[in-house]
């Protein structure tokens, strides 16, 4: 009796294991993903995590040159000019920006703010020449200060990366095959705020019904994965 029972249990366990293994293989390999599968694939992809709300910010005092007309600070917000990251920091209230144009004469005389005088001296040490065009028509002194709200989400006097939250998949709303064998996934996402961001008063992004997004999936030999470059998250 005891031996027969053990054999029966072992046989049933092996049958369940075999069925489970077959199901996993079908889900990961040959079978097309359903909505739950698609949601798991999206959540686990590095491309989706790149949409996390992590904002790089550079704070401190700087001297920058530009050939463009400047009317307001928001029109001269890098991040591309000189590596200064301030654009999103202003939008989210992480930093405050004070700026003013400085003349070449003040930079020569040493009466401009120290970062601009240092910039002038550095160029002179490299043999720029007497005309001192700076390779730019205008120069600006910038003072970028981290706000209490910015400090609450991890910024220091010199800036850093403000971590506000992570993207999450609310639900997959549709799957449709493309002519090239890929599958277009329509889904809705939202931002899950960090506890620090919640305490600092940041508003949740995409709360409720979420924000629309799409991505394409392609079947590979080891299962379905996101097609690089197809993620569109609003």
C-alpha atoms as a PDB file:
ATOM      1  CA  UNK A   1       0.000   0.000   0.000  1.00  0.00           C
ATOM      2  CA  UNK A   2       2.708   2.439   1.043  1.00  0.00           C
ATOM      3  CA  UNK A   3       4.887   1.684  -1.995  1.00  0.00           C
ATOM      4  CA  UNK A   4       1.954   1.932  -4.431  1.00  0.00           C
ATOM      5  CA  UNK A   5       0.963   5.285  -2.909  1.00  0.00           C
ATOM      6  CA  UNK A   6       4.512   6.628  -3.288  1.00  0.00           C
ATOM      7  CA  UNK A   7       4.683   5.541  -6.914  1.00  0.00           C
ATOM      8  CA  UNK A   8       1.290   7.083  -7.642  1.00  0.00           C
ATOM      9  CA  UNK A   9       2.290  10.415  -6.069  1.00  0.00           C
ATOM     10  CA  UNK A  10       5.629  10.403  -7.894  1.00  0.00           C
ATOM     11  CA  UNK A  11       3.906   9.682 -11.196  1.00  0.00           C
ATOM     12  CA  UNK A  12       1.416  12.490 -10.677  1.00  0.00           C
ATOM     13  CA  UNK A  13       4.208  14.904  -9.776  1.00  0.00           C
ATOM     14  CA  UNK A  14       6.157  14.010 -12.912  1.00  0.00           C
ATOM     15  CA  UNK A  15       3.033  14.485 -15.030  1.00  0.00           C
ATOM     16  CA  UNK A  16       2.433  17.957 -13.543  1.00  0.00           C
ATOM     17  CA  UNK A  17       6.103  18.872 -14.066  1.00  0.00           C
ATOM     18  CA  UNK A  18       5.958  17.741 -17.682  1.00  0.00           C
ATOM     19  CA  UNK A  19       2.765  19.726 -18.326  1.00  0.00           C
ATOM     20  CA  UNK A  20       4.209  22.832 -16.649  1.00  0.00           C
ATOM     21  CA  UNK A  21       7.427  22.591 -18.637  1.00  0.00           C
ATOM     22  CA  UNK A  22       5.508  22.250 -21.898  1.00  0.00           C
ATOM     23  CA  UNK A  23       3.314  25.213 -21.040  1.00  0.00           C
ATOM     24  CA  UNK A  24       6.326  27.416 -20.237  1.00  0.00           C
ATOM     25  CA  UNK A  25       8.049  26.443 -23.460  1.00  0.00           C
ATOM     26  CA  UNK A  26       4.965  27.279 -25.481  1.00  0.00           C
ATOM     27  CA  UNK A  27       4.507  30.604 -23.731  1.00  0.00           C
ATOM     28  CA  UNK A  28       8.144  31.634 -24.097  1.00  0.00           C
ATOM     29  CA  UNK A  29       8.734  30.186 -27.522  1.00  0.00           C
ATOM     30  CA  UNK A  30       6.220  29.233 -30.174  1.00  0.00           C
ATOM     31  CA  UNK A  31       2.916  30.481 -28.723  1.00  0.00           C
ATOM     32  CA  UNK A  32       1.954  34.096 -29.257  1.00  0.00           C
ATOM     33  CA  UNK A  33       1.890  36.130 -26.028  1.00  0.00           C
ATOM     34  CA  UNK A  34      -1.406  37.073 -24.433  1.00  0.00           C
ATOM     35  CA  UNK A  35      -1.944  40.377 -22.627  1.00  0.00           C
ATOM     36  CA  UNK A  36      -0.489  39.133 -19.347  1.00  0.00           C
ATOM     37  CA  UNK A  37       2.597  37.810 -21.150  1.00  0.00           C
ATOM     38  CA  UNK A  38       3.028  41.111 -22.975  1.00  0.00           C
ATOM     39  CA  UNK A  39       2.800  43.074 -19.719  1.00  0.00           C
ATOM     40  CA  UNK A  40       5.513  40.897 -18.134  1.00  0.00           C
ATOM     41  CA  UNK A  41       7.796  41.261 -21.158  1.00  0.00           C
ATOM     42  CA  UNK A  42       7.406  45.046 -21.138  1.00  0.00           C
ATOM     43  CA  UNK A  43       8.004  45.400 -17.395  1.00  0.00           C
ATOM     44  CA  UNK A  44      11.198  43.338 -17.510  1.00  0.00           C
ATOM     45  CA  UNK A  45      12.733  45.146 -20.489  1.00  0.00           C
ATOM     46  CA  UNK A  46      15.633  47.593 -20.008  1.00  0.00           C
ATOM     47  CA  UNK A  47      14.095  49.833 -22.665  1.00  0.00           C
ATOM     48  CA  UNK A  48      10.971  50.341 -20.560  1.00  0.00           C
ATOM     49  CA  UNK A  49      12.993  51.079 -17.430  1.00  0.00           C
ATOM     50  CA  UNK A  50      14.798  53.844 -19.356  1.00  0.00           C
ATOM     51  CA  UNK A  51      11.538  55.759 -19.155  1.00  0.00           C
ATOM     52  CA  UNK A  52      11.892  55.921 -15.369  1.00  0.00           C
ATOM     53  CA  UNK A  53      11.673  59.397 -13.916  1.00  0.00           C
ATOM     54  CA  UNK A  54      15.333  59.944 -13.098  1.00  0.00           C
ATOM     55  CA  UNK A  55      16.411  63.515 -13.845  1.00  0.00           C
ATOM     56  CA  UNK A  56      20.116  64.443 -14.087  1.00  0.00           C
ATOM     57  CA  UNK A  57      20.870  67.919 -12.749  1.00  0.00           C
ATOM     58  CA  UNK A  58      24.079  69.966 -12.613  1.00  0.00           C
ATOM     59  CA  UNK A  59      24.104  72.696  -9.974  1.00  0.00           C
ATOM     60  CA  UNK A  60      26.669  75.326  -9.020  1.00  0.00           C
ATOM     61  CA  UNK A  61      28.178  78.375 -10.750  1.00  0.00           C
ATOM     62  CA  UNK A  62      29.099  78.327 -14.438  1.00  0.00           C
ATOM     63  CA  UNK A  63      30.119  80.487 -17.361  1.00  0.00           C
ATOM     64  CA  UNK A  64      28.682  79.546 -20.744  1.00  0.00           C
ATOM     65  CA  UNK A  65      28.896  81.044 -24.207  1.00  0.00           C
ATOM     66  CA  UNK A  66      26.352  81.023 -27.014  1.00  0.00           C
ATOM     67  CA  UNK A  67      25.796  82.557 -30.447  1.00  0.00           C
ATOM     68  CA  UNK A  68      22.010  82.418 -30.018  1.00  0.00           C
ATOM     69  CA  UNK A  69      19.717  85.242 -28.946  1.00  0.00           C
ATOM     70  CA  UNK A  70      18.672  84.765 -25.312  1.00  0.00           C
ATOM     71  CA  UNK A  71      15.470  86.246 -23.881  1.00  0.00           C
ATOM     72  CA  UNK A  72      14.629  83.950 -20.968  1.00  0.00           C
ATOM     73  CA  UNK A  73      16.623  81.303 -19.075  1.00  0.00           C
ATOM     74  CA  UNK A  74      14.391  78.531 -20.431  1.00  0.00           C
ATOM     75  CA  UNK A  75      15.649  79.371 -23.932  1.00  0.00           C
ATOM     76  CA  UNK A  76      19.205  78.667 -22.869  1.00  0.00           C
ATOM     77  CA  UNK A  77      18.706  75.539 -20.881  1.00  0.00           C
ATOM     78  CA  UNK A  78      21.231  72.949 -22.090  1.00  0.00           C
ATOM     79  CA  UNK A  79      21.519  69.837 -21.456  1.00  0.00           C
ATOM     80  CA  UNK A  80      23.486  69.967 -24.708  1.00  0.00           C
ATOM     81  CA  UNK A  81      25.423  73.229 -24.258  1.00  0.00           C
ATOM     82  CA  UNK A  82      28.511  72.645 -22.179  1.00  0.00           C
ATOM     83  CA  UNK A  83      27.033  69.660 -20.384  1.00  0.00           C
ATOM     84  CA  UNK A  84      24.931  71.830 -18.076  1.00  0.00           C
ATOM     85  CA  UNK A  85      21.777  69.980 -17.049  1.00  0.00           C
ATOM     86  CA  UNK A  86      19.067  72.387 -15.950  1.00  0.00           C
ATOM     87  CA  UNK A  87      16.046  72.124 -18.263  1.00  0.00           C
ATOM     88  CA  UNK A  88      14.040  69.396 -16.566  1.00  0.00           C
ATOM     89  CA  UNK A  89      15.277  70.522 -13.175  1.00  0.00           C
ATOM     90  CA  UNK A  90      13.510  73.862 -13.624  1.00  0.00           C
ATOM     91  CA  UNK A  91      10.345  72.233 -14.953  1.00  0.00           C
ATOM     92  CA  UNK A  92      10.065  69.951 -11.916  1.00  0.00           C
ATOM     93  CA  UNK A  93      11.050  72.618  -9.383  1.00  0.00           C
ATOM     94  CA  UNK A  94      14.270  70.851  -8.415  1.00  0.00           C
ATOM     95  CA  UNK A  95      16.479  73.895  -8.936  1.00  0.00           C
ATOM     96  CA  UNK A  96      16.360  77.673  -9.167  1.00  0.00           C
ATOM     97  CA  UNK A  97      18.375  79.463 -11.837  1.00  0.00           C
ATOM     98  CA  UNK A  98      19.892  82.959 -11.655  1.00  0.00           C
ATOM     99  CA  UNK A  99      21.722  84.264 -14.723  1.00  0.00           C
ATOM    100  CA  UNK A 100      23.050  87.382 -16.387  1.00  0.00           C
ATOM    101  CA  UNK A 101      25.075  88.276 -19.424  1.00  0.00           C
ATOM    102  CA  UNK A 102      28.695  89.310 -18.809  1.00  0.00           C
ATOM    103  CA  UNK A 103      30.827  91.442 -21.088  1.00  0.00           C
ATOM    104  CA  UNK A 104      34.172  90.499 -22.517  1.00  0.00           C
ATOM    105  CA  UNK A 105      35.589  93.665 -20.929  1.00  0.00           C
ATOM    106  CA  UNK A 106      34.551  92.583 -17.434  1.00  0.00           C
ATOM    107  CA  UNK A 107      36.037  89.159 -18.027  1.00  0.00           C
ATOM    108  CA  UNK A 108      39.330  90.740 -19.112  1.00  0.00           C
ATOM    109  CA  UNK A 109      39.348  93.149 -16.164  1.00  0.00           C
ATOM    110  CA  UNK A 110      38.536  90.450 -13.627  1.00  0.00           C
ATOM    111  CA  UNK A 111      35.326  92.165 -12.494  1.00  0.00           C
ATOM    112  CA  UNK A 112      32.990  89.464 -13.870  1.00  0.00           C
ATOM    113  CA  UNK A 113      31.846  86.597 -11.606  1.00  0.00           C
ATOM    114  CA  UNK A 114      34.698  84.235 -10.772  1.00  0.00           C
ATOM    115  CA  UNK A 115      33.630  81.362 -13.092  1.00  0.00           C
ATOM    116  CA  UNK A 116      33.738  83.739 -16.069  1.00  0.00           C
ATOM    117  CA  UNK A 117      37.095  85.223 -15.045  1.00  0.00           C
ATOM    118  CA  UNK A 118      38.469  81.700 -14.632  1.00  0.00           C
ATOM    119  CA  UNK A 119      37.086  80.817 -18.069  1.00  0.00           C
ATOM    120  CA  UNK A 120      38.875  83.813 -19.591  1.00  0.00           C
ATOM    121  CA  UNK A 121      42.160  82.988 -17.868  1.00  0.00           C
ATOM    122  CA  UNK A 122      41.910  79.364 -18.982  1.00  0.00           C
ATOM    123  CA  UNK A 123      41.469  80.417 -22.606  1.00  0.00           C
ATOM    124  CA  UNK A 124      44.352  82.870 -22.360  1.00  0.00           C
ATOM    125  CA  UNK A 125      46.605  80.140 -20.967  1.00  0.00           C
ATOM    126  CA  UNK A 126      45.804  78.082 -24.047  1.00  0.00           C
ATOM    127  CA  UNK A 127      46.884  80.896 -26.394  1.00  0.00           C
ATOM    128  CA  UNK A 128      43.524  82.028 -27.713  1.00  0.00           C
ATOM    129  CA  UNK A 129      44.967  85.416 -28.803  1.00  0.00           C
ATOM    130  CA  UNK A 130      44.505  89.140 -28.301  1.00  0.00           C
ATOM    131  CA  UNK A 131      41.152  89.581 -30.030  1.00  0.00           C
ATOM    132  CA  UNK A 132      39.541  87.263 -27.483  1.00  0.00           C
ATOM    133  CA  UNK A 133      36.437  86.276 -29.387  1.00  0.00           C
ATOM    134  CA  UNK A 134      35.838  83.287 -27.085  1.00  0.00           C
ATOM    135  CA  UNK A 135      34.431  81.461 -30.124  1.00  0.00           C
ATOM    136  CA  UNK A 136      31.002  82.803 -29.050  1.00  0.00           C
ATOM    137  CA  UNK A 137      29.248  86.163 -29.292  1.00  0.00           C
ATOM    138  CA  UNK A 138      27.660  86.186 -25.814  1.00  0.00           C
ATOM    139  CA  UNK A 139      28.660  84.857 -22.412  1.00  0.00           C
ATOM    140  CA  UNK A 140      26.453  84.221 -19.423  1.00  0.00           C
ATOM    141  CA  UNK A 141      27.036  83.663 -15.751  1.00  0.00           C
ATOM    142  CA  UNK A 142      24.768  80.989 -14.294  1.00  0.00           C
ATOM    143  CA  UNK A 143      24.060  80.194 -10.661  1.00  0.00           C
ATOM    144  CA  UNK A 144      22.014  77.011 -10.317  1.00  0.00           C
ATOM    145  CA  UNK A 145      20.767  76.297  -6.780  1.00  0.00           C
ATOM    146  CA  UNK A 146      19.115  73.098  -5.600  1.00  0.00           C
ATOM    147  CA  UNK A 147      15.738  73.690  -3.943  1.00  0.00           C
ATOM    148  CA  UNK A 148      14.489  71.914  -0.786  1.00  0.00           C
ATOM    149  CA  UNK A 149      12.253  69.898  -3.107  1.00  0.00           C
ATOM    150  CA  UNK A 150      15.341  68.818  -5.057  1.00  0.00           C
ATOM    151  CA  UNK A 151      17.202  67.849  -1.894  1.00  0.00           C
ATOM    152  CA  UNK A 152      14.251  65.721  -0.819  1.00  0.00           C
ATOM    153  CA  UNK A 153      14.766  63.499  -3.889  1.00  0.00           C
ATOM    154  CA  UNK A 154      18.522  63.084  -3.577  1.00  0.00           C
ATOM    155  CA  UNK A 155      20.192  66.177  -5.058  1.00  0.00           C
ATOM    156  CA  UNK A 156      23.204  67.866  -3.440  1.00  0.00           C
ATOM    157  CA  UNK A 157      24.806  71.306  -3.882  1.00  0.00           C
ATOM    158  CA  UNK A 158      26.465  70.061  -7.069  1.00  0.00           C
ATOM    159  CA  UNK A 159      23.331  68.356  -8.400  1.00  0.00           C
ATOM    160  CA  UNK A 160      23.120  64.630  -9.077  1.00  0.00           C
ATOM    161  CA  UNK A 161      20.256  62.448 -10.267  1.00  0.00           C
ATOM    162  CA  UNK A 162      16.797  63.111  -8.872  1.00  0.00           C
ATOM    163  CA  UNK A 163      14.874  59.847  -8.634  1.00  0.00           C
ATOM    164  CA  UNK A 164      11.172  60.643  -8.738  1.00  0.00           C
ATOM    165  CA  UNK A 165       9.696  57.268  -9.565  1.00  0.00           C
ATOM    166  CA  UNK A 166       9.516  54.328 -11.920  1.00  0.00           C
ATOM    167  CA  UNK A 167       7.358  53.506 -14.921  1.00  0.00           C
ATOM    168  CA  UNK A 168       4.810  50.766 -14.395  1.00  0.00           C
ATOM    169  CA  UNK A 169       2.446  48.991 -16.750  1.00  0.00           C
ATOM    170  CA  UNK A 170      -1.151  49.649 -15.745  1.00  0.00           C
ATOM    171  CA  UNK A 171      -2.691  47.306 -18.315  1.00  0.00           C
ATOM    172  CA  UNK A 172      -2.305  46.030 -21.863  1.00  0.00           C
ATOM    173  CA  UNK A 173      -5.234  47.236 -23.940  1.00  0.00           C
ATOM    174  CA  UNK A 174      -4.622  45.536 -27.276  1.00  0.00           C
ATOM    175  CA  UNK A 175      -2.487  43.143 -29.336  1.00  0.00           C
ATOM    176  CA  UNK A 176      -2.380  43.270 -33.134  1.00  0.00           C
ATOM    177  CA  UNK A 177      -0.100  41.384 -35.549  1.00  0.00           C
ATOM    178  CA  UNK A 178       2.123  43.345 -37.923  1.00  0.00           C
ATOM    179  CA  UNK A 179       2.860  42.196 -41.465  1.00  0.00           C
ATOM    180  CA  UNK A 180       6.504  41.535 -40.573  1.00  0.00           C
ATOM    181  CA  UNK A 181       5.608  38.937 -37.960  1.00  0.00           C
ATOM    182  CA  UNK A 182       5.935  41.247 -34.974  1.00  0.00           C
ATOM    183  CA  UNK A 183       3.089  42.090 -32.615  1.00  0.00           C
ATOM    184  CA  UNK A 184       2.065  45.645 -31.783  1.00  0.00           C
ATOM    185  CA  UNK A 185       1.195  45.999 -28.114  1.00  0.00           C
ATOM    186  CA  UNK A 186      -0.943  48.893 -26.941  1.00  0.00           C
ATOM    187  CA  UNK A 187      -0.802  49.539 -23.212  1.00  0.00           C
ATOM    188  CA  UNK A 188      -1.177  52.220 -20.567  1.00  0.00           C
ATOM    189  CA  UNK A 189       1.503  53.181 -18.077  1.00  0.00           C
ATOM    190  CA  UNK A 190       1.850  55.371 -15.022  1.00  0.00           C
ATOM    191  CA  UNK A 191       4.563  56.596 -12.681  1.00  0.00           C
ATOM    192  CA  UNK A 192       4.918  55.006  -9.276  1.00  0.00           C
ATOM    193  CA  UNK A 193       6.402  57.775  -7.117  1.00  0.00           C
ATOM    194  CA  UNK A 194       9.161  57.044  -4.629  1.00  0.00           C
ATOM    195  CA  UNK A 195       8.239  57.678  -0.971  1.00  0.00           C
ATOM    196  CA  UNK A 196      10.613  60.680  -1.012  1.00  0.00           C
ATOM    197  CA  UNK A 197       8.914  62.151  -4.083  1.00  0.00           C
ATOM    198  CA  UNK A 198       5.491  61.671  -2.510  1.00  0.00           C
ATOM    199  CA  UNK A 199       6.630  63.395   0.671  1.00  0.00           C
ATOM    200  CA  UNK A 200       8.076  66.284  -1.371  1.00  0.00           C
ATOM    201  CA  UNK A 201       4.689  66.872  -2.999  1.00  0.00           C
ATOM    202  CA  UNK A 202       5.293  65.624  -6.530  1.00  0.00           C
ATOM    203  CA  UNK A 203       2.113  64.836  -8.418  1.00  0.00           C
ATOM    204  CA  UNK A 204       1.704  61.287  -9.777  1.00  0.00           C
ATOM    205  CA  UNK A 205       2.040  61.063 -13.549  1.00  0.00           C
ATOM    206  CA  UNK A 206      -0.560  59.061 -15.411  1.00  0.00           C
ATOM    207  CA  UNK A 207      -2.620  58.256 -12.315  1.00  0.00           C
ATOM    208  CA  UNK A 208      -6.051  56.791 -12.885  1.00  0.00           C
ATOM    209  CA  UNK A 209      -6.344  55.568 -16.470  1.00  0.00           C
ATOM    210  CA  UNK A 210      -2.623  55.847 -17.197  1.00  0.00           C
ATOM    211  CA  UNK A 211      -0.858  57.251 -20.251  1.00  0.00           C
ATOM    212  CA  UNK A 212      -1.074  55.596 -23.709  1.00  0.00           C
ATOM    213  CA  UNK A 213       1.980  53.720 -24.986  1.00  0.00           C
ATOM    214  CA  UNK A 214       2.919  51.223 -27.691  1.00  0.00           C
ATOM    215  CA  UNK A 215       5.733  48.777 -28.398  1.00  0.00           C
ATOM    216  CA  UNK A 216       6.426  45.935 -30.836  1.00  0.00           C
ATOM    217  CA  UNK A 217       7.391  42.382 -29.841  1.00  0.00           C
ATOM    218  CA  UNK A 218       9.361  39.932 -31.967  1.00  0.00           C
ATOM    219  CA  UNK A 219       9.712  36.182 -31.503  1.00  0.00           C
ATOM    220  CA  UNK A 220      13.296  34.964 -31.075  1.00  0.00           C
ATOM    221  CA  UNK A 221      14.593  31.443 -30.540  1.00  0.00           C
ATOM    222  CA  UNK A 222      14.363  31.921 -26.765  1.00  0.00           C
ATOM    223  CA  UNK A 223      10.976  33.652 -26.683  1.00  0.00           C
ATOM    224  CA  UNK A 224       9.331  36.999 -27.309  1.00  0.00           C
ATOM    225  CA  UNK A 225      11.225  40.223 -26.725  1.00  0.00           C
ATOM    226  CA  UNK A 226      10.792  43.942 -27.383  1.00  0.00           C
ATOM    227  CA  UNK A 227      11.960  45.190 -30.780  1.00  0.00           C
ATOM    228  CA  UNK A 228      14.616  47.858 -30.009  1.00  0.00           C
ATOM    229  CA  UNK A 229      13.557  51.400 -30.795  1.00  0.00           C
ATOM    230  CA  UNK A 230       9.813  50.718 -30.940  1.00  0.00           C
ATOM    231  CA  UNK A 231       8.892  51.810 -27.415  1.00  0.00           C
ATOM    232  CA  UNK A 232       6.708  54.941 -27.482  1.00  0.00           C
ATOM    233  CA  UNK A 233       5.659  56.153 -24.035  1.00  0.00           C
ATOM    234  CA  UNK A 234       3.811  59.462 -23.705  1.00  0.00           C
END
